[in-house]
Amino acid sequence: MDMNINKLIAARIKELCEDRSITVNGLSYISGVSNSTIMGIFYKRSKNPGIVTIKKLCDGFEITLAQFFDTDSFNNLEQEIK
């Protein structure tokens, strides 16, 4: 899959929201991450969502970081440094 990591992160957050019927406002509330930060990830205004932000979102979803990144899309990313 030829998607960059930021697109994969945004897609994963959207997928988890849809699976749990959580809105952006709801995710913001349960994770403590601002709406503007989440929307920045979705609309590519955030160039590099930090691991602390992703961890907070995972806490809101009640999953681990490992569960967040354990998808075919992430597992099949090509190595950046060759």
C-alpha atoms as a PDB file:
ATOM      1  CA  MET A   1       0.000   0.000   0.000  1.00  0.00           C
ATOM      2  CA  ASP A   2       1.489   3.316  -1.029  1.00  0.00           C
ATOM      3  CA  MET A   3       0.247   5.551   1.808  1.00  0.00           C
ATOM      4  CA  ASN A   4       2.439   7.590   4.068  1.00  0.00           C
ATOM      5  CA  ILE A   5       2.409   7.056   7.810  1.00  0.00           C
ATOM      6  CA  ASN A   6       0.328  10.181   8.559  1.00  0.00           C
ATOM      7  CA  LYS A   7      -2.434   8.990   6.223  1.00  0.00           C
ATOM      8  CA  LEU A   8      -2.357   5.573   7.857  1.00  0.00           C
ATOM      9  CA  ILE A   9      -2.653   7.112  11.322  1.00  0.00           C
ATOM     10  CA  ALA A  10      -5.613   9.254  10.237  1.00  0.00           C
ATOM     11  CA  ALA A  11      -7.282   6.269   8.570  1.00  0.00           C
ATOM     12  CA  ARG A  12      -6.790   4.125  11.678  1.00  0.00           C
ATOM     13  CA  ILE A  13      -8.301   6.776  13.965  1.00  0.00           C
ATOM     14  CA  LYS A  14     -11.292   7.130  11.627  1.00  0.00           C
ATOM     15  CA  GLU A  15     -11.698   3.346  11.510  1.00  0.00           C
ATOM     16  CA  LEU A  16     -11.663   3.070  15.304  1.00  0.00           C
ATOM     17  CA  CYS A  17     -14.170   5.918  15.616  1.00  0.00           C
ATOM     18  CA  GLU A  18     -16.504   4.283  13.105  1.00  0.00           C
ATOM     19  CA  ASP A  19     -16.193   0.853  14.752  1.00  0.00           C
ATOM     20  CA  ARG A  20     -17.140   2.368  18.106  1.00  0.00           C
ATOM     21  CA  SER A  21     -19.642   4.965  16.817  1.00  0.00           C
ATOM     22  CA  ILE A  22     -17.548   7.745  18.334  1.00  0.00           C
ATOM     23  CA  THR A  23     -17.599  11.271  16.907  1.00  0.00           C
ATOM     24  CA  VAL A  24     -14.571  13.553  16.832  1.00  0.00           C
ATOM     25  CA  ASN A  25     -16.105  15.490  19.727  1.00  0.00           C
ATOM     26  CA  GLY A  26     -16.606  12.257  21.631  1.00  0.00           C
ATOM     27  CA  LEU A  27     -13.049  11.145  20.970  1.00  0.00           C
ATOM     28  CA  SER A  28     -11.774  14.525  22.082  1.00  0.00           C
ATOM     29  CA  TYR A  29     -13.723  14.225  25.325  1.00  0.00           C
ATOM     30  CA  ILE A  30     -12.658  10.670  26.209  1.00  0.00           C
ATOM     31  CA  SER A  31      -9.014  11.108  25.182  1.00  0.00           C
ATOM     32  CA  GLY A  32      -8.282  14.655  26.314  1.00  0.00           C
ATOM     33  CA  VAL A  33      -6.984  15.543  22.842  1.00  0.00           C
ATOM     34  CA  SER A  34      -8.442  18.742  21.394  1.00  0.00           C
ATOM     35  CA  ASN A  35     -10.830  18.693  18.439  1.00  0.00           C
ATOM     36  CA  SER A  36      -8.418  20.872  16.510  1.00  0.00           C
ATOM     37  CA  THR A  37      -5.570  18.391  17.017  1.00  0.00           C
ATOM     38  CA  ILE A  38      -7.700  15.467  15.843  1.00  0.00           C
ATOM     39  CA  MET A  39      -8.980  17.429  12.849  1.00  0.00           C
ATOM     40  CA  GLY A  40      -5.389  18.468  12.088  1.00  0.00           C
ATOM     41  CA  ILE A  41      -4.461  14.795  11.846  1.00  0.00           C
ATOM     42  CA  PHE A  42      -7.456  14.067   9.597  1.00  0.00           C
ATOM     43  CA  TYR A  43      -6.871  16.984   7.244  1.00  0.00           C
ATOM     44  CA  LYS A  44      -3.075  16.820   7.141  1.00  0.00           C
ATOM     45  CA  ARG A  45      -2.515  20.087   9.004  1.00  0.00           C
ATOM     46  CA  SER A  46      -0.567  18.068  11.546  1.00  0.00           C
ATOM     47  CA  LYS A  47       2.680  17.140   9.835  1.00  0.00           C
ATOM     48  CA  ASN A  48       3.717  14.595  12.450  1.00  0.00           C
ATOM     49  CA  PRO A  49       1.260  13.486  15.124  1.00  0.00           C
ATOM     50  CA  GLY A  50       3.362  12.703  18.175  1.00  0.00           C
ATOM     51  CA  ILE A  51       3.401   9.437  20.047  1.00  0.00           C
ATOM     52  CA  VAL A  52       2.011  11.148  23.175  1.00  0.00           C
ATOM     53  CA  THR A  53      -1.032  12.284  21.179  1.00  0.00           C
ATOM     54  CA  ILE A  54      -1.512   8.827  19.690  1.00  0.00           C
ATOM     55  CA  LYS A  55      -1.163   7.288  23.176  1.00  0.00           C
ATOM     56  CA  LYS A  56      -3.877   9.600  24.528  1.00  0.00           C
ATOM     57  CA  LEU A  57      -6.149   8.628  21.647  1.00  0.00           C
ATOM     58  CA  CYS A  58      -5.445   4.952  22.360  1.00  0.00           C
ATOM     59  CA  ASP A  59      -6.335   5.521  26.013  1.00  0.00           C
ATOM     60  CA  GLY A  60      -9.623   7.029  24.869  1.00  0.00           C
ATOM     61  CA  PHE A  61     -10.290   4.006  22.658  1.00  0.00           C
ATOM     62  CA  GLU A  62      -9.204   1.738  25.551  1.00  0.00           C
ATOM     63  CA  ILE A  63      -6.578   0.015  23.416  1.00  0.00           C
ATOM     64  CA  THR A  64      -2.805  -0.232  23.594  1.00  0.00           C
ATOM     65  CA  LEU A  65      -0.359   1.372  21.214  1.00  0.00           C
ATOM     66  CA  ALA A  66       0.444  -2.132  19.980  1.00  0.00           C
ATOM     67  CA  GLN A  67      -3.225  -2.701  19.130  1.00  0.00           C
ATOM     68  CA  PHE A  68      -3.393   0.653  17.334  1.00  0.00           C
ATOM     69  CA  PHE A  69      -0.459  -0.199  15.091  1.00  0.00           C
ATOM     70  CA  ASP A  70      -1.217  -3.919  14.680  1.00  0.00           C
ATOM     71  CA  THR A  71      -2.843  -3.738  11.257  1.00  0.00           C
ATOM     72  CA  ASP A  72      -1.842  -5.047   7.843  1.00  0.00           C
ATOM     73  CA  SER A  73      -1.305  -1.486   6.642  1.00  0.00           C
ATOM     74  CA  PHE A  74       1.218  -0.684   9.360  1.00  0.00           C
ATOM     75  CA  ASN A  75       2.816  -4.126   9.306  1.00  0.00           C
ATOM     76  CA  ASN A  76       3.412  -3.900   5.560  1.00  0.00           C
ATOM     77  CA  LEU A  77       5.037  -0.443   5.547  1.00  0.00           C
ATOM     78  CA  GLU A  78       8.358  -0.421   3.803  1.00  0.00           C
ATOM     79  CA  GLN A  79      11.394   0.401   5.880  1.00  0.00           C
ATOM     80  CA  GLU A  80      12.250   4.104   5.646  1.00  0.00           C
ATOM     81  CA  ILE A  81      16.008   3.657   6.053  1.00  0.00           C
ATOM     82  CA  LYS A  82      17.632   1.206   3.683  1.00  0.00           C
END
